[in-house]
N, C-alpha and C. Protein backbone atom coordinates (compact mmCIF):
# COMPACT_ATOMS: atom_id res chain seq x y z
N UNK A 1 78.50 10.80 -2.37
CA UNK A 1 77.10 11.16 -2.21
C UNK A 1 76.60 11.92 -3.44
N UNK A 2 75.41 11.59 -3.91
CA UNK A 2 74.85 12.26 -5.07
C UNK A 2 74.49 13.71 -4.74
N UNK A 3 74.32 14.51 -5.78
CA UNK A 3 73.96 15.92 -5.58
C UNK A 3 72.63 16.06 -4.84
N UNK A 4 71.64 15.24 -5.21
CA UNK A 4 70.33 15.38 -4.58
C UNK A 4 70.38 15.00 -3.11
N UNK A 5 71.08 13.92 -2.76
CA UNK A 5 71.18 13.54 -1.35
C UNK A 5 71.97 14.57 -0.56
N UNK A 6 72.97 15.19 -1.20
CA UNK A 6 73.72 16.26 -0.55
C UNK A 6 72.82 17.43 -0.21
N UNK A 7 71.94 17.80 -1.14
CA UNK A 7 71.01 18.90 -0.90
C UNK A 7 70.03 18.55 0.22
N UNK A 8 69.53 17.33 0.20
CA UNK A 8 68.56 16.92 1.21
C UNK A 8 69.18 16.86 2.60
N UNK A 9 70.41 16.40 2.68
CA UNK A 9 71.08 16.36 3.99
C UNK A 9 71.40 17.78 4.47
N UNK A 10 71.80 18.64 3.56
CA UNK A 10 72.13 20.03 3.92
C UNK A 10 70.93 20.76 4.50
N UNK A 11 69.75 20.48 3.98
CA UNK A 11 68.54 21.17 4.42
C UNK A 11 67.83 20.43 5.56
N UNK A 12 68.43 19.38 6.07
CA UNK A 12 67.83 18.64 7.19
C UNK A 12 66.60 17.85 6.79
N UNK A 13 66.55 17.48 5.53
CA UNK A 13 65.38 16.78 5.01
C UNK A 13 65.39 15.29 5.36
N UNK A 14 66.58 14.71 5.48
CA UNK A 14 66.69 13.29 5.81
C UNK A 14 66.93 13.14 7.31
N UNK A 15 66.03 12.42 7.97
CA UNK A 15 66.10 12.23 9.42
C UNK A 15 66.20 10.73 9.70
N UNK A 16 67.13 10.35 10.55
CA UNK A 16 67.34 8.94 10.86
C UNK A 16 67.28 8.69 12.36
N UNK A 17 67.30 7.42 12.73
CA UNK A 17 67.33 6.98 14.13
C UNK A 17 66.14 7.50 14.92
N UNK A 18 64.96 7.30 14.37
CA UNK A 18 63.72 7.71 15.03
C UNK A 18 62.66 6.66 14.73
N UNK A 19 61.41 6.98 14.98
CA UNK A 19 60.32 6.02 14.79
C UNK A 19 59.17 6.74 14.09
N UNK A 20 59.02 6.48 12.80
CA UNK A 20 58.02 7.18 12.00
C UNK A 20 56.97 6.20 11.48
N UNK A 21 55.79 6.74 11.21
CA UNK A 21 54.73 5.96 10.56
C UNK A 21 54.48 6.60 9.20
N UNK A 22 54.56 5.78 8.15
CA UNK A 22 54.39 6.26 6.78
C UNK A 22 52.91 6.28 6.38
N UNK A 23 52.63 6.88 5.24
CA UNK A 23 51.27 6.93 4.71
C UNK A 23 50.70 5.53 4.55
N UNK A 24 51.55 4.59 4.18
CA UNK A 24 51.12 3.20 3.98
C UNK A 24 50.76 2.50 5.29
N UNK A 25 51.11 3.12 6.43
CA UNK A 25 50.87 2.49 7.73
C UNK A 25 52.08 1.74 8.25
N UNK A 26 53.09 1.58 7.40
CA UNK A 26 54.31 0.90 7.83
C UNK A 26 55.16 1.81 8.70
N UNK A 27 56.01 1.19 9.51
CA UNK A 27 56.88 1.93 10.42
C UNK A 27 58.31 1.91 9.88
N UNK A 28 59.04 3.00 10.11
CA UNK A 28 60.41 3.11 9.59
C UNK A 28 61.28 3.93 10.54
N UNK A 29 62.58 3.62 10.61
CA UNK A 29 63.49 4.39 11.47
C UNK A 29 64.00 5.67 10.81
N UNK A 30 63.72 5.84 9.52
CA UNK A 30 64.23 7.01 8.80
C UNK A 30 63.09 7.66 8.02
N UNK A 31 63.23 8.97 7.82
CA UNK A 31 62.14 9.71 7.17
C UNK A 31 62.73 10.83 6.32
N UNK A 32 62.12 11.04 5.17
CA UNK A 32 62.52 12.16 4.33
C UNK A 32 61.44 13.23 4.47
N UNK A 33 61.75 14.27 5.22
CA UNK A 33 60.80 15.36 5.46
C UNK A 33 60.92 16.37 4.32
N UNK A 34 60.23 16.08 3.22
CA UNK A 34 60.35 16.92 2.03
C UNK A 34 60.00 18.37 2.29
N UNK A 35 59.12 18.62 3.26
CA UNK A 35 58.72 20.00 3.55
C UNK A 35 59.87 20.83 4.10
N UNK A 36 60.91 20.18 4.61
CA UNK A 36 62.08 20.91 5.12
C UNK A 36 62.90 21.51 3.98
N UNK A 37 62.73 20.98 2.78
CA UNK A 37 63.48 21.48 1.62
C UNK A 37 62.93 22.79 1.10
N UNK A 38 61.60 22.89 0.98
CA UNK A 38 60.99 23.96 0.22
C UNK A 38 61.21 25.39 0.72
N UNK A 39 61.41 25.65 2.01
CA UNK A 39 61.72 27.03 2.42
C UNK A 39 63.06 27.54 1.88
N UNK A 40 63.93 26.62 1.49
CA UNK A 40 65.26 26.99 0.98
C UNK A 40 65.19 27.12 -0.54
N UNK A 41 64.95 28.34 -1.01
CA UNK A 41 64.69 28.54 -2.44
C UNK A 41 65.90 28.22 -3.32
N UNK A 42 67.09 28.50 -2.82
CA UNK A 42 68.29 28.19 -3.61
C UNK A 42 68.41 26.69 -3.84
N UNK A 43 68.21 25.93 -2.78
CA UNK A 43 68.34 24.47 -2.88
C UNK A 43 67.17 23.87 -3.68
N UNK A 44 65.97 24.44 -3.50
CA UNK A 44 64.82 23.94 -4.26
C UNK A 44 65.00 24.21 -5.74
N UNK A 45 65.54 25.37 -6.06
CA UNK A 45 65.86 25.69 -7.45
C UNK A 45 66.87 24.69 -8.00
N UNK A 46 67.85 24.35 -7.18
CA UNK A 46 68.88 23.39 -7.61
C UNK A 46 68.27 22.02 -7.91
N UNK A 47 67.26 21.63 -7.12
CA UNK A 47 66.58 20.36 -7.38
C UNK A 47 65.85 20.43 -8.72
N UNK A 48 65.18 21.55 -8.97
CA UNK A 48 64.50 21.73 -10.25
C UNK A 48 65.47 21.64 -11.42
N UNK A 49 66.67 22.18 -11.21
CA UNK A 49 67.69 22.13 -12.26
C UNK A 49 68.16 20.70 -12.49
N UNK A 50 68.27 19.92 -11.41
CA UNK A 50 68.66 18.51 -11.54
C UNK A 50 67.62 17.73 -12.34
N UNK A 51 66.35 18.01 -12.06
CA UNK A 51 65.27 17.38 -12.84
C UNK A 51 65.41 17.74 -14.32
N UNK A 52 65.59 19.05 -14.58
CA UNK A 52 65.66 19.54 -15.96
C UNK A 52 66.83 18.92 -16.71
N UNK A 53 67.98 18.83 -16.04
CA UNK A 53 69.16 18.26 -16.68
C UNK A 53 68.99 16.76 -16.93
N UNK A 54 68.25 16.11 -16.03
CA UNK A 54 68.04 14.66 -16.15
C UNK A 54 67.26 14.31 -17.42
N UNK A 55 66.29 15.16 -17.77
CA UNK A 55 65.40 14.80 -18.90
C UNK A 55 65.52 15.81 -20.05
N UNK A 56 66.62 16.53 -20.11
CA UNK A 56 66.76 17.60 -21.10
C UNK A 56 66.66 17.12 -22.55
N UNK A 57 66.91 15.84 -22.79
CA UNK A 57 66.86 15.33 -24.16
C UNK A 57 65.44 14.92 -24.58
N UNK A 58 64.50 14.95 -23.63
CA UNK A 58 63.12 14.61 -23.95
C UNK A 58 62.39 15.82 -24.51
N UNK A 59 61.42 15.57 -25.35
CA UNK A 59 60.58 16.64 -25.90
C UNK A 59 59.45 16.90 -24.90
N UNK A 60 59.48 18.06 -24.24
CA UNK A 60 58.52 18.37 -23.18
C UNK A 60 57.89 19.74 -23.43
N UNK A 61 56.56 19.80 -23.29
CA UNK A 61 55.84 21.07 -23.38
C UNK A 61 55.44 21.59 -22.00
N UNK A 62 55.09 20.65 -21.11
CA UNK A 62 54.54 21.02 -19.81
C UNK A 62 55.07 20.09 -18.73
N UNK A 63 55.36 20.66 -17.57
CA UNK A 63 55.76 19.88 -16.40
C UNK A 63 54.61 19.95 -15.40
N UNK A 64 54.23 18.81 -14.85
CA UNK A 64 53.13 18.78 -13.88
C UNK A 64 53.53 17.95 -12.67
N UNK A 65 53.10 18.40 -11.50
CA UNK A 65 53.35 17.67 -10.27
C UNK A 65 52.11 17.68 -9.40
N UNK A 66 51.98 16.71 -8.50
CA UNK A 66 50.82 16.68 -7.61
C UNK A 66 50.97 17.69 -6.47
N UNK A 67 49.89 18.42 -6.19
CA UNK A 67 49.91 19.34 -5.05
C UNK A 67 50.09 18.53 -3.76
N UNK A 68 50.82 19.05 -2.78
CA UNK A 68 51.30 20.42 -2.71
C UNK A 68 52.75 20.56 -3.16
N UNK A 69 53.60 19.63 -2.71
CA UNK A 69 55.02 19.76 -3.03
C UNK A 69 55.32 19.79 -4.51
N UNK A 70 54.50 19.09 -5.28
CA UNK A 70 54.71 19.05 -6.72
C UNK A 70 54.52 20.38 -7.41
N UNK A 71 53.79 21.29 -6.76
CA UNK A 71 53.61 22.63 -7.33
C UNK A 71 54.96 23.33 -7.44
N UNK A 72 55.71 23.28 -6.36
CA UNK A 72 57.02 23.95 -6.32
C UNK A 72 57.99 23.27 -7.28
N UNK A 73 58.01 21.95 -7.26
CA UNK A 73 58.95 21.22 -8.11
C UNK A 73 58.64 21.40 -9.59
N UNK A 74 57.36 21.39 -9.96
CA UNK A 74 57.02 21.56 -11.37
C UNK A 74 57.39 22.95 -11.86
N UNK A 75 57.21 23.96 -11.00
CA UNK A 75 57.54 25.33 -11.39
C UNK A 75 59.04 25.50 -11.62
N UNK A 76 59.85 25.03 -10.66
CA UNK A 76 61.30 25.18 -10.80
C UNK A 76 61.85 24.34 -11.95
N UNK A 77 61.30 23.14 -12.12
CA UNK A 77 61.76 22.29 -13.22
C UNK A 77 61.43 22.93 -14.56
N UNK A 78 60.21 23.46 -14.69
CA UNK A 78 59.81 24.12 -15.93
C UNK A 78 60.68 25.36 -16.19
N UNK A 79 61.01 26.08 -15.13
CA UNK A 79 61.87 27.27 -15.25
C UNK A 79 63.23 26.90 -15.84
N UNK A 80 63.87 25.90 -15.25
CA UNK A 80 65.21 25.52 -15.72
C UNK A 80 65.16 24.83 -17.08
N UNK A 81 64.11 24.07 -17.33
CA UNK A 81 63.97 23.41 -18.62
C UNK A 81 63.74 24.45 -19.73
N UNK A 82 63.03 25.51 -19.39
CA UNK A 82 62.82 26.61 -20.35
C UNK A 82 64.15 27.24 -20.74
N UNK A 83 65.02 27.43 -19.74
CA UNK A 83 66.34 28.02 -20.01
C UNK A 83 67.19 27.09 -20.87
N UNK A 84 67.14 25.81 -20.58
CA UNK A 84 67.93 24.84 -21.33
C UNK A 84 67.48 24.75 -22.79
N UNK A 85 66.16 24.73 -22.98
CA UNK A 85 65.60 24.53 -24.32
C UNK A 85 65.38 25.83 -25.09
N UNK A 86 65.46 26.96 -24.39
CA UNK A 86 65.28 28.23 -25.07
C UNK A 86 63.86 28.50 -25.51
N UNK A 87 62.90 27.91 -24.82
CA UNK A 87 61.49 28.16 -25.11
C UNK A 87 60.70 28.01 -23.81
N UNK A 88 59.48 28.54 -23.79
CA UNK A 88 58.69 28.45 -22.57
C UNK A 88 58.14 27.04 -22.36
N UNK A 89 58.45 26.49 -21.19
CA UNK A 89 57.88 25.22 -20.76
C UNK A 89 56.92 25.55 -19.63
N UNK A 90 55.70 25.07 -19.72
CA UNK A 90 54.70 25.40 -18.70
C UNK A 90 54.87 24.53 -17.46
N UNK A 91 54.50 25.07 -16.30
CA UNK A 91 54.52 24.33 -15.05
C UNK A 91 53.17 24.40 -14.38
N UNK A 92 52.50 23.26 -14.22
CA UNK A 92 51.17 23.22 -13.60
C UNK A 92 51.12 22.08 -12.59
N UNK A 93 49.93 21.88 -12.01
CA UNK A 93 49.81 20.84 -10.99
C UNK A 93 48.42 20.23 -10.98
N UNK A 94 48.34 19.04 -10.41
CA UNK A 94 47.05 18.38 -10.18
C UNK A 94 46.71 18.50 -8.70
N UNK A 95 45.45 18.24 -8.38
CA UNK A 95 45.00 18.32 -6.99
C UNK A 95 44.36 17.01 -6.56
N UNK A 96 44.46 16.74 -5.26
CA UNK A 96 43.92 15.50 -4.71
C UNK A 96 42.44 15.67 -4.38
N UNK A 97 41.66 14.66 -4.72
CA UNK A 97 40.23 14.66 -4.41
C UNK A 97 39.99 13.98 -3.07
N UNK A 98 38.75 14.04 -2.60
CA UNK A 98 38.40 13.43 -1.32
C UNK A 98 38.65 11.92 -1.33
N UNK A 99 38.51 11.30 -2.50
CA UNK A 99 38.74 9.86 -2.59
C UNK A 99 40.19 9.53 -2.98
N UNK A 100 41.06 10.53 -2.84
CA UNK A 100 42.51 10.38 -3.01
C UNK A 100 42.96 10.13 -4.45
N UNK A 101 42.15 10.55 -5.39
CA UNK A 101 42.58 10.55 -6.78
C UNK A 101 43.22 11.89 -7.11
N UNK A 102 43.82 12.01 -8.28
CA UNK A 102 44.40 13.27 -8.73
C UNK A 102 43.58 13.78 -9.91
N UNK A 103 43.26 15.08 -9.89
CA UNK A 103 42.47 15.66 -10.97
C UNK A 103 43.12 16.94 -11.49
N UNK A 104 42.84 17.24 -12.74
CA UNK A 104 43.30 18.47 -13.37
C UNK A 104 42.21 19.52 -13.19
N UNK A 105 42.54 20.65 -12.56
CA UNK A 105 41.57 21.70 -12.30
C UNK A 105 42.11 23.05 -12.78
N UNK A 106 41.39 24.11 -12.46
CA UNK A 106 41.81 25.49 -12.71
C UNK A 106 42.07 25.81 -14.18
N UNK A 107 41.49 25.01 -15.06
CA UNK A 107 41.69 25.25 -16.48
C UNK A 107 43.04 24.80 -17.00
N UNK A 108 43.78 24.04 -16.18
CA UNK A 108 45.12 23.61 -16.59
C UNK A 108 45.10 22.56 -17.69
N UNK A 109 43.92 22.02 -17.98
CA UNK A 109 43.84 21.02 -19.05
C UNK A 109 44.33 21.58 -20.39
N UNK A 110 44.19 22.90 -20.57
CA UNK A 110 44.64 23.50 -21.84
C UNK A 110 46.16 23.45 -22.00
N UNK A 111 46.87 23.29 -20.86
CA UNK A 111 48.34 23.16 -20.93
C UNK A 111 48.77 21.70 -21.04
N UNK A 112 47.79 20.80 -21.03
CA UNK A 112 48.09 19.36 -21.05
C UNK A 112 47.55 18.64 -22.28
N UNK A 113 46.39 19.06 -22.75
CA UNK A 113 45.78 18.40 -23.90
C UNK A 113 46.65 18.54 -25.15
N UNK A 114 46.93 17.41 -25.76
CA UNK A 114 47.78 17.33 -26.96
C UNK A 114 49.23 17.78 -26.69
N UNK A 115 49.61 17.88 -25.41
CA UNK A 115 50.96 18.31 -25.06
C UNK A 115 51.79 17.11 -24.61
N UNK A 116 53.10 17.27 -24.73
CA UNK A 116 54.03 16.26 -24.21
C UNK A 116 54.36 16.66 -22.77
N UNK A 117 54.06 15.77 -21.85
CA UNK A 117 54.05 16.13 -20.43
C UNK A 117 55.07 15.32 -19.62
N UNK A 118 55.82 16.04 -18.79
CA UNK A 118 56.71 15.42 -17.82
C UNK A 118 56.07 15.53 -16.45
N UNK A 119 56.03 14.44 -15.71
CA UNK A 119 55.49 14.45 -14.35
C UNK A 119 56.65 14.38 -13.37
N UNK A 120 56.67 15.30 -12.40
CA UNK A 120 57.71 15.29 -11.37
C UNK A 120 57.06 15.07 -10.00
N UNK A 121 57.77 14.38 -9.15
CA UNK A 121 57.28 14.06 -7.81
C UNK A 121 58.47 14.06 -6.87
N UNK A 122 58.24 14.37 -5.60
CA UNK A 122 59.36 14.41 -4.66
C UNK A 122 59.81 13.00 -4.27
N UNK A 123 58.91 12.22 -3.67
CA UNK A 123 59.28 10.90 -3.18
C UNK A 123 58.31 9.85 -3.70
N UNK A 124 58.79 8.63 -3.85
CA UNK A 124 57.90 7.52 -4.15
C UNK A 124 58.21 6.36 -3.21
N UNK A 125 57.16 5.86 -2.57
CA UNK A 125 57.26 4.64 -1.78
C UNK A 125 56.46 3.54 -2.46
N UNK A 126 55.24 3.91 -2.87
CA UNK A 126 54.40 2.96 -3.61
C UNK A 126 54.24 3.40 -5.07
N UNK A 127 54.46 4.68 -5.34
CA UNK A 127 54.28 5.22 -6.69
C UNK A 127 52.83 5.55 -7.00
N UNK A 128 51.96 5.36 -6.03
CA UNK A 128 50.52 5.51 -6.26
C UNK A 128 50.13 6.92 -6.68
N UNK A 129 50.61 7.93 -5.98
CA UNK A 129 50.19 9.30 -6.30
C UNK A 129 50.68 9.72 -7.68
N UNK A 130 51.92 9.38 -8.02
CA UNK A 130 52.45 9.74 -9.34
C UNK A 130 51.68 9.01 -10.44
N UNK A 131 51.31 7.76 -10.18
CA UNK A 131 50.55 7.00 -11.18
C UNK A 131 49.19 7.63 -11.41
N UNK A 132 48.59 8.16 -10.36
CA UNK A 132 47.30 8.82 -10.50
C UNK A 132 47.42 10.13 -11.27
N UNK A 133 48.58 10.78 -11.18
CA UNK A 133 48.83 11.97 -11.99
C UNK A 133 48.94 11.56 -13.46
N UNK A 134 49.63 10.46 -13.72
CA UNK A 134 49.73 9.94 -15.09
C UNK A 134 48.32 9.74 -15.66
N UNK A 135 47.47 9.10 -14.89
CA UNK A 135 46.10 8.82 -15.35
C UNK A 135 45.31 10.11 -15.56
N UNK A 136 45.51 11.10 -14.66
CA UNK A 136 44.79 12.37 -14.78
C UNK A 136 45.20 13.11 -16.04
N UNK A 137 46.51 13.13 -16.32
CA UNK A 137 47.02 13.81 -17.51
C UNK A 137 46.52 13.12 -18.78
N UNK A 138 46.61 11.81 -18.79
CA UNK A 138 46.12 11.06 -19.95
C UNK A 138 44.62 11.24 -20.13
N UNK A 139 43.92 11.42 -19.01
CA UNK A 139 42.48 11.58 -19.05
C UNK A 139 42.01 12.87 -19.72
N UNK A 140 42.89 13.89 -19.75
CA UNK A 140 42.53 15.15 -20.42
C UNK A 140 43.24 15.28 -21.76
N UNK A 141 43.82 14.18 -22.22
CA UNK A 141 44.41 14.17 -23.56
C UNK A 141 45.87 14.52 -23.65
N UNK A 142 46.58 14.48 -22.52
CA UNK A 142 48.01 14.75 -22.54
C UNK A 142 48.81 13.49 -22.80
N UNK A 143 50.00 13.65 -23.37
CA UNK A 143 50.90 12.52 -23.61
C UNK A 143 52.02 12.56 -22.58
N UNK A 144 52.02 11.61 -21.67
CA UNK A 144 53.05 11.56 -20.63
C UNK A 144 54.32 10.96 -21.22
N UNK A 145 55.38 11.77 -21.30
CA UNK A 145 56.63 11.28 -21.89
C UNK A 145 57.53 10.64 -20.84
N UNK A 146 57.32 11.00 -19.56
CA UNK A 146 58.13 10.41 -18.49
C UNK A 146 57.62 10.84 -17.13
N UNK A 147 57.98 10.04 -16.13
CA UNK A 147 57.82 10.40 -14.72
C UNK A 147 59.22 10.48 -14.14
N UNK A 148 59.50 11.53 -13.38
CA UNK A 148 60.82 11.67 -12.75
C UNK A 148 60.63 12.05 -11.28
N UNK A 149 61.26 11.31 -10.39
CA UNK A 149 61.12 11.59 -8.96
C UNK A 149 62.46 11.97 -8.35
N UNK A 150 62.37 12.71 -7.26
CA UNK A 150 63.55 13.17 -6.55
C UNK A 150 64.26 11.98 -5.90
N UNK A 151 63.50 11.19 -5.15
CA UNK A 151 64.07 10.01 -4.48
C UNK A 151 63.07 8.86 -4.57
N UNK A 152 63.54 7.72 -5.04
CA UNK A 152 62.72 6.51 -5.08
C UNK A 152 63.08 5.65 -3.88
N UNK A 153 62.10 5.44 -3.00
CA UNK A 153 62.35 4.65 -1.80
C UNK A 153 62.04 3.16 -2.01
N UNK A 154 61.53 2.82 -3.18
CA UNK A 154 61.13 1.44 -3.41
C UNK A 154 61.46 1.01 -4.84
N UNK A 155 62.75 0.92 -5.18
CA UNK A 155 63.15 0.64 -6.56
C UNK A 155 62.77 -0.74 -7.08
N UNK A 156 62.47 -1.65 -6.18
CA UNK A 156 62.08 -3.00 -6.63
C UNK A 156 60.69 -3.00 -7.23
N UNK A 157 59.81 -2.13 -6.75
CA UNK A 157 58.42 -2.14 -7.20
C UNK A 157 58.04 -0.91 -8.02
N UNK A 158 58.65 0.23 -7.73
CA UNK A 158 58.31 1.45 -8.46
C UNK A 158 59.26 1.58 -9.64
N UNK A 159 58.76 1.22 -10.81
CA UNK A 159 59.59 1.09 -12.01
C UNK A 159 58.86 1.63 -13.24
N UNK A 160 59.57 1.62 -14.36
CA UNK A 160 58.95 1.99 -15.64
C UNK A 160 57.75 1.11 -15.93
N UNK A 161 57.87 -0.17 -15.64
CA UNK A 161 56.77 -1.11 -15.88
C UNK A 161 55.55 -0.74 -15.04
N UNK A 162 55.78 -0.28 -13.83
CA UNK A 162 54.67 0.09 -12.94
C UNK A 162 53.89 1.27 -13.51
N UNK A 163 54.59 2.28 -14.00
CA UNK A 163 53.93 3.48 -14.51
C UNK A 163 53.42 3.32 -15.94
N UNK A 164 54.04 2.45 -16.69
CA UNK A 164 53.66 2.30 -18.09
C UNK A 164 54.24 3.37 -18.98
N UNK A 165 55.14 4.19 -18.43
CA UNK A 165 55.85 5.24 -19.18
C UNK A 165 57.28 5.26 -18.66
N UNK A 166 58.22 5.86 -19.40
CA UNK A 166 59.60 5.94 -18.91
C UNK A 166 59.69 6.57 -17.52
N UNK A 167 60.50 5.99 -16.66
CA UNK A 167 60.61 6.43 -15.27
C UNK A 167 62.07 6.73 -14.93
N UNK A 168 62.29 7.91 -14.35
CA UNK A 168 63.63 8.34 -13.96
C UNK A 168 63.63 8.75 -12.49
N UNK A 169 64.79 8.64 -11.86
CA UNK A 169 64.92 9.09 -10.48
C UNK A 169 66.26 9.78 -10.30
N UNK A 170 66.29 10.82 -9.47
CA UNK A 170 67.55 11.50 -9.20
C UNK A 170 68.43 10.66 -8.29
N UNK A 171 67.80 9.85 -7.43
CA UNK A 171 68.57 8.91 -6.61
C UNK A 171 67.61 7.92 -5.96
N UNK A 172 68.20 6.90 -5.39
CA UNK A 172 67.45 5.86 -4.68
C UNK A 172 67.89 5.86 -3.23
N UNK A 173 66.95 5.79 -2.33
CA UNK A 173 67.27 5.70 -0.90
C UNK A 173 66.33 4.69 -0.28
N UNK A 174 66.80 3.45 -0.25
CA UNK A 174 65.97 2.39 0.33
C UNK A 174 66.03 2.45 1.85
N UNK A 175 64.87 2.47 2.47
CA UNK A 175 64.78 2.49 3.92
C UNK A 175 63.87 1.35 4.35
N UNK A 176 64.30 0.61 5.35
CA UNK A 176 63.48 -0.50 5.83
C UNK A 176 62.15 0.03 6.36
N UNK A 177 61.08 -0.65 6.00
CA UNK A 177 59.75 -0.31 6.51
C UNK A 177 59.10 -1.59 7.01
N UNK A 178 58.48 -1.51 8.17
CA UNK A 178 57.96 -2.70 8.83
C UNK A 178 56.46 -2.59 9.10
N UNK A 179 55.81 -3.73 9.18
CA UNK A 179 54.44 -3.74 9.69
C UNK A 179 54.52 -3.45 11.18
N UNK A 180 53.41 -3.07 11.75
CA UNK A 180 53.39 -2.79 13.19
C UNK A 180 53.83 -4.01 13.99
N UNK A 181 53.42 -5.17 13.54
CA UNK A 181 53.74 -6.40 14.26
C UNK A 181 55.24 -6.72 14.23
N UNK A 182 55.91 -6.36 13.14
CA UNK A 182 57.33 -6.68 12.98
C UNK A 182 58.26 -5.52 13.31
N UNK A 183 57.70 -4.38 13.70
CA UNK A 183 58.49 -3.16 13.90
C UNK A 183 59.45 -3.28 15.09
N UNK A 184 60.77 -3.20 14.86
CA UNK A 184 61.73 -3.29 15.96
C UNK A 184 61.66 -2.09 16.90
N UNK A 185 61.25 -0.92 16.38
CA UNK A 185 61.12 0.26 17.24
C UNK A 185 59.97 0.08 18.23
N UNK A 186 58.87 -0.52 17.75
CA UNK A 186 57.74 -0.79 18.64
C UNK A 186 58.16 -1.78 19.73
N UNK A 187 58.90 -2.81 19.31
CA UNK A 187 59.34 -3.83 20.27
C UNK A 187 60.29 -3.26 21.30
N UNK A 188 61.03 -2.20 20.91
CA UNK A 188 61.97 -1.57 21.84
C UNK A 188 61.36 -0.37 22.55
N UNK A 189 60.05 -0.16 22.34
CA UNK A 189 59.32 0.94 22.97
C UNK A 189 59.87 2.32 22.62
N UNK A 190 60.37 2.47 21.39
CA UNK A 190 60.80 3.78 20.92
C UNK A 190 59.55 4.60 20.60
N UNK A 191 59.39 5.78 21.19
CA UNK A 191 58.18 6.58 20.97
C UNK A 191 57.98 6.91 19.49
N UNK A 192 56.74 6.91 19.06
CA UNK A 192 56.40 7.26 17.68
C UNK A 192 56.49 8.78 17.52
N UNK A 193 57.15 9.22 16.46
CA UNK A 193 57.25 10.64 16.16
C UNK A 193 55.87 11.14 15.72
N UNK A 194 55.33 12.11 16.45
CA UNK A 194 54.00 12.64 16.14
C UNK A 194 54.05 13.96 15.39
N UNK A 195 55.24 14.46 15.12
CA UNK A 195 55.38 15.73 14.41
C UNK A 195 55.50 15.49 12.91
N UNK A 196 56.27 14.49 12.53
CA UNK A 196 56.48 14.17 11.11
C UNK A 196 55.83 12.84 10.76
N UNK A 197 55.43 12.71 9.52
CA UNK A 197 54.78 11.48 9.09
C UNK A 197 53.36 11.40 9.61
N UNK A 198 52.89 10.17 9.78
CA UNK A 198 51.49 9.95 10.17
C UNK A 198 51.40 9.32 11.56
N UNK A 199 52.40 9.61 12.39
CA UNK A 199 52.43 9.05 13.73
C UNK A 199 51.28 9.49 14.61
N UNK A 200 50.91 10.77 14.50
CA UNK A 200 49.82 11.30 15.34
C UNK A 200 48.51 10.61 15.01
N UNK A 201 48.21 10.47 13.71
CA UNK A 201 46.97 9.79 13.30
C UNK A 201 46.99 8.33 13.73
N UNK A 202 48.16 7.72 13.64
CA UNK A 202 48.31 6.32 14.04
C UNK A 202 47.98 6.15 15.52
N UNK A 203 48.52 7.04 16.36
CA UNK A 203 48.28 6.94 17.80
C UNK A 203 46.84 7.29 18.15
N UNK A 204 46.28 8.27 17.44
CA UNK A 204 44.88 8.63 17.68
C UNK A 204 43.96 7.47 17.35
N UNK A 205 44.28 6.78 16.25
CA UNK A 205 43.47 5.62 15.85
C UNK A 205 43.54 4.52 16.89
N UNK A 206 44.70 4.38 17.52
CA UNK A 206 44.87 3.37 18.56
C UNK A 206 44.40 3.89 19.92
N UNK A 207 43.95 5.17 19.91
CA UNK A 207 43.45 5.84 21.13
C UNK A 207 44.50 5.91 22.22
N UNK A 208 45.75 6.15 21.75
CA UNK A 208 46.86 6.33 22.70
C UNK A 208 47.00 7.80 23.06
N UNK A 209 46.63 8.69 22.11
CA UNK A 209 46.63 10.13 22.40
C UNK A 209 45.27 10.69 22.01
């Protein structure tokens, strides 16, 4: 087992044998509850160190991640990368707009313009949010040197070619995801988890709850 998967299992972040609804609307028997990781500062720091070690040979000025989870990851990654390189590496974040784009706010553009930027993200299923961070950084004049994610759930589609910049991942964890019509959990009447994922919204939309 890789170091990152070991950390995620230790913190109860990986949950299996259940019925979840993803952001995409697809259904899956397994879920990575990234929010279960962040209260554990030792383990979260270790994840940041794994990111830093993964890209230590790249020239980086600033690390940026999408809010909310990306705030924590960018800070810890920048911290460990600063120690490795012996200079200050900045850690900032982008924010999501009402139309689900990512924007640079709070004056953080000064840490991105003309800077070499690493983008970190916790999970990728479609890669959409990380790609929007790439566009946001490039939009304020930053040079994206790489995207690095904690776990890639869709290695066939989320690639360097997809982002248009070098892409790295700490590990890959492919999990089957089904349409509602093809979902074996639905066919077996396994209750949808309404605590994690988007199960509650899914059921509300169907007017089941």
